[in-house]
Amino acid sequence: MSQSRKWSVLSLFVAVMLVVFLLPVGLMAGKAFPSGEEIADGKAGDLVLQAGTYEIGGKSYRADYGTLVVPENRNKDDSRLIRLPVIRMHATGESPAEPVFLLGGGPGQSNVLSAEFLASRRLNDFPYAWLLKHHDFVMVGYRGVDGSVSLDCPEIVEALQVEKNAFSHENLEKLGKAYYAAFQRFTKEGVDIDGYTMVEVIDDMEAAREGLGYKKINLYSLSYGTRLAYLYGLRYPDSIHRSLMVSVNPPGHFVWEPEIVDAQLRYYADLWKKDPIAVSRSPDLIKTMQKVLNTLPREWEGFRIDPGKVKITTFMQLMHRASAAQVFDAYVAAEEGDYSGLAYLSVVYDKMFLSALNWGDQASKAVSADYDPNRDYEAEMDPPGSIIGSPGSKLWVALQYGGWSIKPIAEEYRKLQYSNVETLLVNGSIDFSTPPQNAKTLLPYLPNGKLVILAEMGHVSDVENIQPEAFQHLVERFYLEGIVDDSKFTYESMNFTPS
């Protein structure tokens, strides 16, 4: 392969990774929000609003910017108060229907899309502007990421940023000690970690609903946010009109099980065999990946290649079909002797992946919900014969060595139970982060639930953006009429040729 071809591969990965990983990880109140003086005497439940505009790409929307005052830990009468940002974008049409509350992905990412952030990503409009014709759209900051307290952990980033053998036993033990060091630092700073759970987030949303004066709301949830939406329905069923879940994550699924990862890879491999161009490059995609990983050099053209880093960034890239095509192309090229793509995956781990999350928030929400101290994550997440194991879940191993001392949420919220909330579940069939098996597991517990699985689509952005008009039609008919109409979707086969 020519040098220009090698660097074009790297450039493509740069572009894709910017989209996949550089998501908002926190928002502090800016000039549009109420001043410190205006909220200085705020009591728990107070919501102070300030009228303004949300401007992006030359378009202006009427909006309110607010600060919500809430207890850090509602289980303690003497808990200190923290503050969260709230943005309400007003409906543009007359007689709006129930408002839509966003429950974004994560954990460890912001739930507030600022116009400045979207503009920096060259977006010329608010991505959910289409909903404003009939609904107010509300974004309430996630505690631990947005607002007055951030659980950002430089200790964890430092522990993860190692030159080689990123997921060796030694480095995972080091990571566990870093988690505990960060936990101790927050404790000394007066942060009550036990207050940073999904149950508290749901109560924040409910406080915002009450403060904004809405009787019932619609939920628009994505990935981790679908777990919040489900629990919201268990906790406050009378507050919810209808609930949309995109890329479904029910209780018990913050751990990616290796057998499910393998099954999704084999699904891709079956699609690969139906593509004559793809098969001409490699007759067996799985064997190509296994061969490359078994013979991976530790350096290429001056770039260090770490197998653990390659595996975890491979997993992250496989969440969306466009970036999955890039990954598979990189493995096939590596089998032919060009390791540029895989070298970049290793580089991406250090330069982008580590800064993509608020690690303390991720630990708090995930550990309090799904962590099982009786599991041997080190052995179970990388079983013999697995294609790539479950590289994302190997981080759970660190929690055995110091860890993150947070109380589990109540058992009733850690298991499946029935909810009568009217719910629409939408999932891609090749979603690596939240595979459709998740939605199928939850559906029997939703008597008023309907499931739509979109063939050959991946995680959230695939579902929302590959056929946007069809998706928007589906969502609006559900919110306004309670009808599930997926008739505008058409089948798009997987394209393994990188764009």
Protein backbone atom coordinates (compact mmCIF):
# COMPACT_ATOMS: atom_id res chain seq x y z
CA MET A 1 0.00 0.00 0.00
CA SER A 2 1.30 3.47 -0.85
CA GLN A 3 2.23 6.00 1.82
CA SER A 4 -0.62 8.26 0.72
CA ARG A 5 -3.06 5.34 1.14
CA LYS A 6 -1.69 4.65 4.62
CA TRP A 7 -2.19 8.22 5.77
CA SER A 8 -5.61 8.43 4.15
CA VAL A 9 -6.64 5.51 6.38
CA LEU A 10 -5.36 7.39 9.43
CA SER A 11 -7.20 10.53 8.36
CA LEU A 12 -10.46 8.63 8.01
CA PHE A 13 -10.08 7.21 11.51
CA VAL A 14 -9.42 10.72 12.84
CA ALA A 15 -12.69 11.93 11.36
CA VAL A 16 -14.71 8.97 12.63
CA MET A 17 -13.23 9.06 16.13
CA LEU A 18 -14.01 12.74 16.47
CA VAL A 19 -17.66 11.88 15.90
CA VAL A 20 -17.68 8.77 18.09
CA PHE A 21 -15.73 9.96 21.11
CA LEU A 22 -15.64 13.73 21.39
CA LEU A 23 -19.00 14.10 23.06
CA PRO A 24 -19.87 16.72 25.66
CA VAL A 25 -18.69 15.61 29.09
CA GLY A 26 -19.90 18.50 31.20
CA LEU A 27 -21.51 21.90 31.12
CA MET A 28 -21.14 24.63 33.71
CA ALA A 29 -23.58 27.49 33.93
CA GLY A 30 -22.61 30.30 31.56
CA LYS A 31 -23.84 33.82 31.03
CA ALA A 32 -27.24 32.62 29.77
CA PHE A 33 -28.00 31.00 33.11
CA PRO A 34 -29.13 32.78 36.31
CA SER A 35 -26.29 34.41 38.21
CA GLY A 36 -24.88 33.11 41.46
CA GLU A 37 -26.63 35.88 43.36
CA GLU A 38 -30.01 34.86 41.98
CA ILE A 39 -29.68 31.31 43.29
CA ALA A 40 -27.61 31.96 46.42
CA ASP A 41 -30.56 31.44 48.76
CA GLY A 42 -32.13 28.60 46.77
CA LYS A 43 -33.84 25.76 48.61
CA ALA A 44 -34.19 22.14 47.56
CA GLY A 45 -36.57 21.97 44.59
CA ASP A 46 -36.16 25.60 43.56
CA LEU A 47 -35.85 26.23 39.83
CA VAL A 48 -34.75 29.72 38.82
CA LEU A 49 -35.35 30.49 35.14
CA GLN A 50 -34.05 33.21 32.85
CA ALA A 51 -35.54 33.84 29.40
CA GLY A 52 -33.16 33.83 26.48
CA THR A 53 -32.47 32.38 23.04
CA TYR A 54 -30.71 29.29 21.76
CA GLU A 55 -28.79 30.32 18.67
CA ILE A 56 -27.00 28.01 16.26
CA GLY A 57 -26.18 28.22 12.56
CA GLY A 58 -27.99 31.50 12.13
CA LYS A 59 -31.17 30.06 13.64
CA SER A 60 -32.66 31.29 16.88
CA TYR A 61 -35.01 29.46 19.22
CA ARG A 62 -36.84 30.87 22.21
CA ALA A 63 -35.49 29.20 25.33
CA ASP A 64 -35.33 29.38 29.10
CA TYR A 65 -32.09 28.81 30.98
CA GLY A 66 -32.47 27.60 34.51
CA THR A 67 -30.68 26.42 37.61
CA LEU A 68 -32.26 23.61 39.62
CA VAL A 69 -31.37 23.28 43.30
CA VAL A 70 -31.46 19.71 44.63
CA PRO A 71 -30.12 17.74 47.62
CA GLU A 72 -26.88 15.90 46.96
CA ASN A 73 -28.26 12.84 48.77
CA ARG A 74 -32.00 12.70 49.33
CA ASN A 75 -31.57 9.89 51.84
CA LYS A 76 -29.96 12.32 54.30
CA ASP A 77 -31.92 15.12 55.93
CA ASP A 78 -28.81 17.24 56.35
CA SER A 79 -27.51 16.75 52.82
CA ARG A 80 -25.88 19.74 51.20
CA LEU A 81 -27.44 21.27 48.07
CA ILE A 82 -26.05 21.09 44.56
CA ARG A 83 -27.08 22.91 41.38
CA LEU A 84 -27.92 21.57 37.93
CA PRO A 85 -28.39 23.40 34.62
CA VAL A 86 -31.74 23.22 32.81
CA ILE A 87 -32.52 24.35 29.27
CA ARG A 88 -36.08 24.48 27.98
CA MET A 89 -36.53 25.15 24.27
CA HIS A 90 -40.05 26.34 23.53
CA ALA A 91 -42.32 24.72 20.96
CA THR A 92 -42.67 26.73 17.77
CA GLY A 93 -46.19 25.59 16.91
CA GLU A 94 -49.50 26.54 18.48
CA SER A 95 -51.09 24.38 21.19
CA PRO A 96 -48.06 22.21 21.90
CA ALA A 97 -48.50 18.66 23.12
CA GLU A 98 -46.70 17.13 26.10
CA PRO A 99 -43.08 18.30 26.42
CA VAL A 100 -40.15 16.01 25.63
CA PHE A 101 -37.43 15.44 28.24
CA LEU A 102 -34.04 14.24 26.98
CA LEU A 103 -32.28 11.37 28.75
CA GLY A 104 -28.98 11.11 26.91
CA GLY A 105 -26.32 8.42 26.83
CA GLY A 106 -23.42 7.64 29.09
CA PRO A 107 -22.95 7.31 31.96
CA GLY A 108 -20.15 9.84 32.10
CA GLN A 109 -21.50 12.25 29.49
CA SER A 110 -23.48 15.47 29.63
CA ASN A 111 -27.24 15.64 29.19
CA VAL A 112 -27.16 19.26 28.02
CA LEU A 113 -26.34 20.04 24.40
CA SER A 114 -25.06 23.60 24.35
CA ALA A 115 -25.29 25.57 21.11
CA GLU A 116 -21.56 26.27 21.41
CA PHE A 117 -20.75 22.56 21.53
CA LEU A 118 -22.92 21.78 18.52
CA ALA A 119 -21.44 24.67 16.54
CA SER A 120 -17.93 23.40 17.32
CA ARG A 121 -18.96 20.12 15.67
CA ARG A 122 -20.12 22.09 12.60
CA LEU A 123 -23.78 21.39 13.14
CA ASN A 124 -25.97 24.11 11.67
CA ASP A 125 -29.09 23.34 13.63
CA PHE A 126 -30.26 21.82 16.88
CA PRO A 127 -30.50 18.04 16.23
CA TYR A 128 -33.96 17.78 17.79
CA ALA A 129 -35.40 20.92 16.22
CA TRP A 130 -37.95 18.75 14.40
CA LEU A 131 -39.63 17.99 17.72
CA LEU A 132 -40.21 21.68 18.48
CA LYS A 133 -43.15 21.90 16.10
CA HIS A 134 -45.30 20.12 18.67
CA HIS A 135 -43.31 19.98 21.92
CA ASP A 136 -41.18 21.93 24.33
CA PHE A 137 -37.80 20.20 24.56
CA VAL A 138 -36.12 20.02 27.97
CA MET A 139 -32.55 19.13 28.93
CA VAL A 140 -31.74 18.69 32.63
CA GLY A 141 -28.06 18.31 33.52
CA TYR A 142 -26.85 15.01 34.87
CA ARG A 143 -25.53 15.25 38.43
CA GLY A 144 -21.85 14.29 38.56
CA VAL A 145 -21.18 15.68 35.07
CA ASP A 146 -23.17 18.89 34.69
CA GLY A 147 -23.64 21.64 37.24
CA SER A 148 -21.86 22.50 40.47
CA VAL A 149 -20.21 19.10 41.12
CA SER A 150 -18.14 17.16 38.63
CA LEU A 151 -16.80 13.67 39.33
CA ASP A 152 -14.06 14.00 36.74
CA CYS A 153 -11.06 11.87 37.71
CA PRO A 154 -7.59 12.73 36.37
CA GLU A 155 -6.27 9.88 38.55
CA ILE A 156 -8.13 7.35 36.41
CA VAL A 157 -7.05 8.91 33.11
CA GLU A 158 -3.44 8.80 34.29
CA ALA A 159 -3.74 5.14 35.32
CA LEU A 160 -5.29 4.19 31.98
CA GLN A 161 -2.66 6.03 29.96
CA VAL A 162 0.06 3.39 29.92
CA GLU A 163 2.45 2.68 27.05
CA LYS A 164 1.95 -1.07 26.83
CA ASN A 165 -0.13 -3.96 28.17
CA ALA A 166 -2.96 -1.59 29.04
CA PHE A 167 -5.20 -4.38 30.34
CA SER A 168 -2.64 -6.57 32.07
CA HIS A 169 -3.39 -7.74 35.61
CA GLU A 170 -0.76 -5.31 36.92
CA ASN A 171 -2.26 -2.31 35.17
CA LEU A 172 -5.82 -3.23 36.12
CA GLU A 173 -4.75 -3.44 39.75
CA LYS A 174 -3.11 -0.04 39.37
CA LEU A 175 -6.37 1.27 37.90
CA GLY A 176 -8.35 -0.03 40.86
CA LYS A 177 -6.08 1.88 43.23
CA ALA A 178 -6.57 5.01 41.11
CA TYR A 179 -10.34 4.65 41.41
CA TYR A 180 -10.02 4.41 45.16
CA ALA A 181 -7.63 7.39 45.32
CA ALA A 182 -10.15 9.47 43.39
CA PHE A 183 -12.94 8.28 45.69
CA GLN A 184 -10.93 9.30 48.75
CA ARG A 185 -10.19 12.71 47.22
CA PHE A 186 -13.89 13.37 46.65
CA THR A 187 -14.68 12.28 50.20
CA LYS A 188 -12.13 14.76 51.59
CA GLU A 189 -13.65 17.48 49.41
CA GLY A 190 -17.05 16.84 50.99
CA VAL A 191 -18.66 15.04 48.06
CA ASP A 192 -21.22 12.41 49.10
CA ILE A 193 -20.65 9.76 46.41
CA ASP A 194 -23.73 7.81 47.52
CA GLY A 195 -25.83 10.64 46.07
CA TYR A 196 -24.63 10.08 42.50
CA THR A 197 -26.93 7.27 41.39
CA MET A 198 -29.54 6.81 38.70
CA VAL A 199 -32.33 7.02 41.26
CA GLU A 200 -31.15 10.50 42.26
CA VAL A 201 -30.96 11.50 38.57
CA ILE A 202 -34.57 10.42 38.10
CA ASP A 203 -35.60 12.46 41.12
CA ASP A 204 -33.77 15.44 39.58
CA MET A 205 -35.84 15.05 36.42
CA GLU A 206 -39.03 14.83 38.45
CA ALA A 207 -38.08 17.99 40.37
CA ALA A 208 -37.52 19.77 37.04
CA ARG A 209 -40.89 18.57 35.74
CA GLU A 210 -42.60 19.96 38.81
CA GLY A 211 -40.60 23.19 38.69
CA LEU A 212 -41.54 23.77 35.05
CA GLY A 213 -45.19 23.14 35.82
CA TYR A 214 -45.77 20.18 33.51
CA LYS A 215 -48.43 17.63 34.44
CA LYS A 216 -47.12 14.85 32.17
CA ILE A 217 -44.03 14.56 30.01
CA ASN A 218 -42.69 12.43 27.18
CA LEU A 219 -39.28 10.82 27.58
CA TYR A 220 -36.72 10.68 24.75
CA SER A 221 -34.02 8.30 25.97
CA LEU A 222 -30.81 7.07 24.40
CA SER A 223 -28.65 4.09 25.45
CA TYR A 224 -27.85 4.58 29.17
CA GLY A 225 -30.74 7.04 29.20
CA THR A 226 -33.16 4.21 28.41
CA ARG A 227 -32.30 2.67 31.78
CA LEU A 228 -33.19 5.98 33.39
CA ALA A 229 -36.44 6.10 31.43
CA TYR A 230 -37.42 2.60 32.49
CA LEU A 231 -36.71 3.34 36.15
CA TYR A 232 -38.50 6.69 35.85
CA GLY A 233 -41.56 4.75 34.75
CA LEU A 234 -41.30 2.48 37.79
CA ARG A 235 -40.79 5.37 40.19
CA TYR A 236 -43.17 8.01 38.80
CA PRO A 237 -45.55 6.31 36.35
CA ASP A 238 -48.19 9.05 36.62
CA SER A 239 -45.71 11.68 35.42
CA ILE A 240 -45.06 10.05 32.04
CA HIS A 241 -47.26 10.34 28.98
CA ARG A 242 -45.19 8.24 26.58
CA SER A 243 -41.62 6.95 26.63
CA LEU A 244 -39.30 6.47 23.65
CA MET A 245 -36.24 4.24 24.14
CA VAL A 246 -33.52 4.19 21.47
CA SER A 247 -30.81 1.50 21.86
CA VAL A 248 -32.22 -0.20 24.92
CA ASN A 249 -30.24 -0.86 28.11
CA PRO A 250 -32.35 -2.62 30.79
CA PRO A 251 -31.13 -3.49 34.30
CA GLY A 252 -28.13 -5.79 34.38
CA HIS A 253 -26.63 -4.72 31.07
CA PHE A 254 -23.85 -2.26 31.91
CA VAL A 255 -21.58 -5.27 31.49
CA TRP A 256 -20.99 -6.32 27.88
CA GLU A 257 -20.92 -10.12 27.94
CA PRO A 258 -18.26 -11.66 25.64
CA GLU A 259 -20.62 -14.25 24.18
CA ILE A 260 -22.92 -11.44 23.02
CA VAL A 261 -19.96 -9.56 21.53
CA ASP A 262 -18.96 -12.71 19.66
CA ALA A 263 -22.53 -13.22 18.43
CA GLN A 264 -22.64 -9.68 17.05
CA LEU A 265 -19.31 -10.19 15.29
CA ARG A 266 -20.62 -13.37 13.69
CA TYR A 267 -23.71 -11.46 12.59
CA TYR A 268 -21.39 -9.02 10.82
CA ALA A 269 -19.40 -11.94 9.37
CA ASP A 270 -22.57 -13.43 7.87
CA LEU A 271 -23.38 -10.08 6.25
CA TRP A 272 -19.77 -9.90 5.01
CA LYS A 273 -20.19 -13.20 3.15
CA LYS A 274 -23.16 -11.74 1.24
CA ASP A 275 -21.01 -8.86 -0.06
CA PRO A 276 -19.00 -10.02 -3.12
CA ILE A 277 -16.50 -7.16 -2.84
CA ALA A 278 -15.89 -7.88 0.84
CA VAL A 279 -15.50 -11.63 0.30
CA SER A 280 -13.00 -11.00 -2.48
CA ARG A 281 -10.76 -9.32 0.09
CA SER A 282 -11.24 -11.88 2.85
CA PRO A 283 -13.27 -15.09 2.58
CA ASP A 284 -13.73 -15.26 6.37
CA LEU A 285 -13.87 -12.03 8.37
CA ILE A 286 -13.62 -13.74 11.77
CA LYS A 287 -10.52 -15.71 10.79
CA THR A 288 -8.94 -12.51 9.46
CA MET A 289 -9.52 -10.72 12.77
CA GLN A 290 -8.22 -13.64 14.81
CA LYS A 291 -5.12 -14.03 12.64
CA VAL A 292 -4.32 -10.31 12.81
CA LEU A 293 -4.76 -10.11 16.59
CA ASN A 294 -2.57 -13.20 17.08
CA THR A 295 0.24 -11.78 14.95
CA LEU A 296 -0.11 -8.08 15.77
CA PRO A 297 3.27 -6.29 15.81
CA ARG A 298 4.02 -4.08 18.79
CA GLU A 299 5.16 -1.21 16.57
CA TRP A 300 4.47 0.02 13.05
CA GLU A 301 6.06 3.00 11.26
CA GLY A 302 7.01 4.53 14.61
CA PHE A 303 3.60 3.95 16.22
CA ARG A 304 3.34 1.67 19.26
CA ILE A 305 0.54 -0.91 18.92
CA ASP A 306 -1.02 -2.29 22.10
CA PRO A 307 -3.40 -5.25 21.59
CA GLY A 308 -5.62 -4.24 24.52
CA LYS A 309 -6.00 -0.71 23.21
CA VAL A 310 -6.73 -2.01 19.72
CA LYS A 311 -9.44 -4.31 21.05
CA ILE A 312 -11.26 -1.70 23.12
CA THR A 313 -11.23 0.92 20.36
CA THR A 314 -12.28 -1.77 17.89
CA PHE A 315 -15.26 -2.48 20.11
CA MET A 316 -16.19 1.20 20.35
CA GLN A 317 -15.92 1.64 16.58
CA LEU A 318 -18.18 -1.34 15.93
CA MET A 319 -21.13 0.47 17.50
CA HIS A 320 -21.96 2.22 14.21
CA ARG A 321 -22.04 0.74 10.74
CA ALA A 322 -19.93 3.41 9.02
CA SER A 323 -17.12 3.19 11.56
CA ALA A 324 -17.48 -0.62 11.61
CA ALA A 325 -16.69 -0.64 7.90
CA GLN A 326 -13.54 1.34 8.67
CA VAL A 327 -12.51 -1.17 11.35
CA PHE A 328 -13.03 -4.23 9.18
CA ASP A 329 -11.12 -2.52 6.36
CA ALA A 330 -8.26 -1.94 8.79
CA TYR A 331 -8.13 -5.61 9.80
CA VAL A 332 -8.16 -6.80 6.19
CA ALA A 333 -5.44 -4.28 5.33
CA ALA A 334 -3.41 -5.52 8.31
CA GLU A 335 -3.67 -9.08 7.04
CA GLU A 336 -2.14 -7.74 3.82
CA GLY A 337 0.69 -6.06 5.74
CA ASP A 338 -0.67 -2.51 6.26
CA TYR A 339 -1.17 -1.85 9.97
CA SER A 340 -1.94 1.89 9.67
CA GLY A 341 -5.57 1.58 10.76
CA LEU A 342 -4.83 -0.62 13.75
CA ALA A 343 -1.90 1.59 14.73
CA TYR A 344 -4.26 4.51 14.79
CA LEU A 345 -6.75 2.60 16.91
CA SER A 346 -4.00 2.20 19.48
CA VAL A 347 -3.18 5.92 19.28
CA VAL A 348 -6.86 6.86 19.60
CA TYR A 349 -7.05 5.12 22.97
CA ASP A 350 -4.56 7.59 24.44
CA LYS A 351 -5.57 10.73 22.58
CA MET A 352 -9.36 10.55 22.50
CA PHE A 353 -10.91 7.61 24.33
CA LEU A 354 -9.52 8.51 27.75
CA SER A 355 -10.90 12.05 27.64
CA ALA A 356 -14.30 11.05 26.27
CA LEU A 357 -15.87 10.24 29.64
CA ASN A 358 -16.31 11.60 33.12
CA TRP A 359 -14.93 8.46 34.75
CA GLY A 360 -16.19 9.13 38.27
CA ASP A 361 -19.74 9.62 37.07
CA GLN A 362 -19.53 6.46 34.98
CA ALA A 363 -18.30 4.49 37.99
CA SER A 364 -20.98 5.85 40.31
CA LYS A 365 -23.94 5.15 38.04
CA ALA A 366 -22.74 1.77 36.74
CA VAL A 367 -21.31 0.31 39.97
CA SER A 368 -24.33 1.25 42.08
CA ALA A 369 -26.62 -0.41 39.55
CA ASP A 370 -24.95 -3.50 38.08
CA TYR A 371 -21.64 -4.34 39.76
CA ASP A 372 -21.53 -7.88 41.18
CA PRO A 373 -18.60 -8.40 43.60
CA ASN A 374 -19.01 -12.17 43.29
CA ARG A 375 -18.09 -12.26 39.60
CA ASP A 376 -14.55 -12.89 38.36
CA TYR A 377 -14.57 -10.21 35.68
CA GLU A 378 -10.92 -10.76 34.81
CA ALA A 379 -11.54 -14.35 33.71
CA GLU A 380 -15.10 -13.98 32.47
CA MET A 381 -14.53 -10.98 30.20
CA ASP A 382 -11.71 -12.63 28.23
CA PRO A 383 -12.61 -16.33 27.96
CA PRO A 384 -10.56 -18.78 25.88
CA GLY A 385 -11.66 -18.92 22.26
CA SER A 386 -13.49 -15.59 22.28
CA ILE A 387 -12.87 -13.41 19.22
CA ILE A 388 -12.04 -10.18 21.08
CA GLY A 389 -13.51 -10.95 24.50
CA SER A 390 -15.34 -8.05 26.08
CA PRO A 391 -12.65 -5.34 26.23
CA GLY A 392 -14.96 -2.62 27.53
CA SER A 393 -16.03 -4.74 30.47
CA LYS A 394 -12.46 -5.58 31.51
CA LEU A 395 -12.43 -2.20 33.25
CA TRP A 396 -14.75 -3.77 35.84
CA VAL A 397 -11.78 -5.88 36.95
CA ALA A 398 -10.21 -2.77 38.47
CA LEU A 399 -13.09 -2.47 40.94
CA GLN A 400 -11.78 -5.55 42.74
CA TYR A 401 -8.61 -3.67 43.70
CA GLY A 402 -9.68 -0.68 45.77
CA GLY A 403 -12.60 0.28 43.63
CA TRP A 404 -15.42 2.77 44.05
CA SER A 405 -17.19 2.51 47.41
CA ILE A 406 -20.75 3.48 46.57
CA LYS A 407 -23.89 1.94 48.03
CA PRO A 408 -25.95 -0.11 45.56
CA ILE A 409 -29.31 1.31 44.59
CA ALA A 410 -32.37 -0.48 45.97
CA GLU A 411 -32.75 -4.05 44.74
CA GLU A 412 -36.10 -3.24 43.15
CA TYR A 413 -34.28 -1.00 40.65
CA ARG A 414 -31.55 -3.55 39.92
CA LYS A 415 -33.90 -6.11 38.43
CA LEU A 416 -36.69 -6.29 35.84
CA GLN A 417 -40.23 -5.59 36.94
CA TYR A 418 -43.44 -4.65 35.19
CA SER A 419 -44.18 -1.12 34.03
CA ASN A 420 -47.42 -0.01 32.38
CA VAL A 421 -45.91 3.11 30.80
CA GLU A 422 -46.69 3.35 27.09
CA THR A 423 -43.27 2.66 25.58
CA LEU A 424 -41.70 2.46 22.13
CA LEU A 425 -38.38 0.59 21.97
CA VAL A 426 -36.23 1.10 18.86
CA ASN A 427 -33.00 -0.85 18.30
CA GLY A 428 -30.52 -1.52 15.54
CA SER A 429 -29.86 -5.18 14.75
CA ILE A 430 -26.05 -4.76 14.72
CA ASP A 431 -25.78 -2.53 17.78
CA PHE A 432 -22.65 -3.58 19.70
CA SER A 433 -23.31 -1.38 22.72
CA THR A 434 -26.95 -2.31 23.28
CA PRO A 435 -27.71 -5.38 21.13
CA PRO A 436 -31.36 -6.12 20.31
CA GLN A 437 -31.36 -9.01 22.78
CA ASN A 438 -31.53 -6.33 25.49
CA ALA A 439 -34.76 -4.90 24.16
CA LYS A 440 -36.26 -8.36 23.70
CA THR A 441 -35.44 -9.13 27.34
CA LEU A 442 -37.22 -5.99 28.56
CA LEU A 443 -40.27 -6.11 26.29
CA PRO A 444 -42.23 -8.80 28.23
CA TYR A 445 -42.15 -6.49 31.27
CA LEU A 446 -43.81 -3.67 29.30
CA PRO A 447 -47.46 -4.63 28.66
CA ASN A 448 -47.90 -1.36 26.76
CA GLY A 449 -44.57 -1.62 24.94
CA LYS A 450 -43.84 -2.05 21.23
CA LEU A 451 -40.44 -3.00 19.75
CA VAL A 452 -39.05 -1.95 16.36
CA ILE A 453 -35.74 -3.54 15.28
CA LEU A 454 -34.06 -1.84 12.34
CA ALA A 455 -32.04 -4.26 10.25
CA GLU A 456 -28.34 -3.54 9.75
CA MET A 457 -28.35 -0.43 11.90
CA GLY A 458 -26.07 0.12 14.88
CA HIS A 459 -26.17 2.29 17.98
CA VAL A 460 -28.09 5.52 18.60
CA SER A 461 -26.83 7.76 15.78
CA ASP A 462 -27.51 5.06 13.17
CA VAL A 463 -31.11 4.74 14.33
CA GLU A 464 -31.64 8.50 14.38
CA ASN A 465 -29.73 9.54 11.27
CA ILE A 466 -29.48 6.85 8.57
CA GLN A 467 -33.13 7.38 7.59
CA PRO A 468 -34.03 10.51 9.56
CA GLU A 469 -37.41 11.20 7.95
CA ALA A 470 -38.60 7.67 8.68
CA PHE A 471 -37.35 7.87 12.26
CA GLN A 472 -38.95 11.25 12.90
CA HIS A 473 -42.24 10.04 11.45
CA LEU A 474 -42.11 7.01 13.75
CA VAL A 475 -41.42 9.12 16.84
CA GLU A 476 -43.95 11.86 16.18
CA ARG A 477 -46.82 9.49 15.48
CA PHE A 478 -46.00 7.68 18.70
CA TYR A 479 -45.82 10.84 20.81
CA LEU A 480 -48.93 12.45 19.31
CA GLU A 481 -51.17 9.44 18.62
CA GLY A 482 -49.66 6.44 20.40
CA ILE A 483 -49.32 4.71 17.01
CA VAL A 484 -46.17 2.77 16.07
CA ASP A 485 -45.69 3.40 12.35
CA ASP A 486 -42.37 2.21 10.94
CA SER A 487 -43.70 2.04 7.37
CA LYS A 488 -41.35 4.70 6.02
CA PHE A 489 -38.19 2.69 6.78
CA THR A 490 -36.63 0.81 3.88
CA TYR A 491 -33.99 -1.90 4.08
CA GLU A 492 -30.40 -0.75 3.58
CA SER A 493 -27.90 -3.59 3.36
CA MET A 494 -24.60 -3.25 5.18
CA ASN A 495 -21.97 -1.55 3.04
CA PHE A 496 -18.49 -2.77 3.94
CA THR A 497 -16.72 -0.38 1.57
CA PRO A 498 -15.45 2.55 3.66
CA SER A 499 -16.76 5.91 2.47
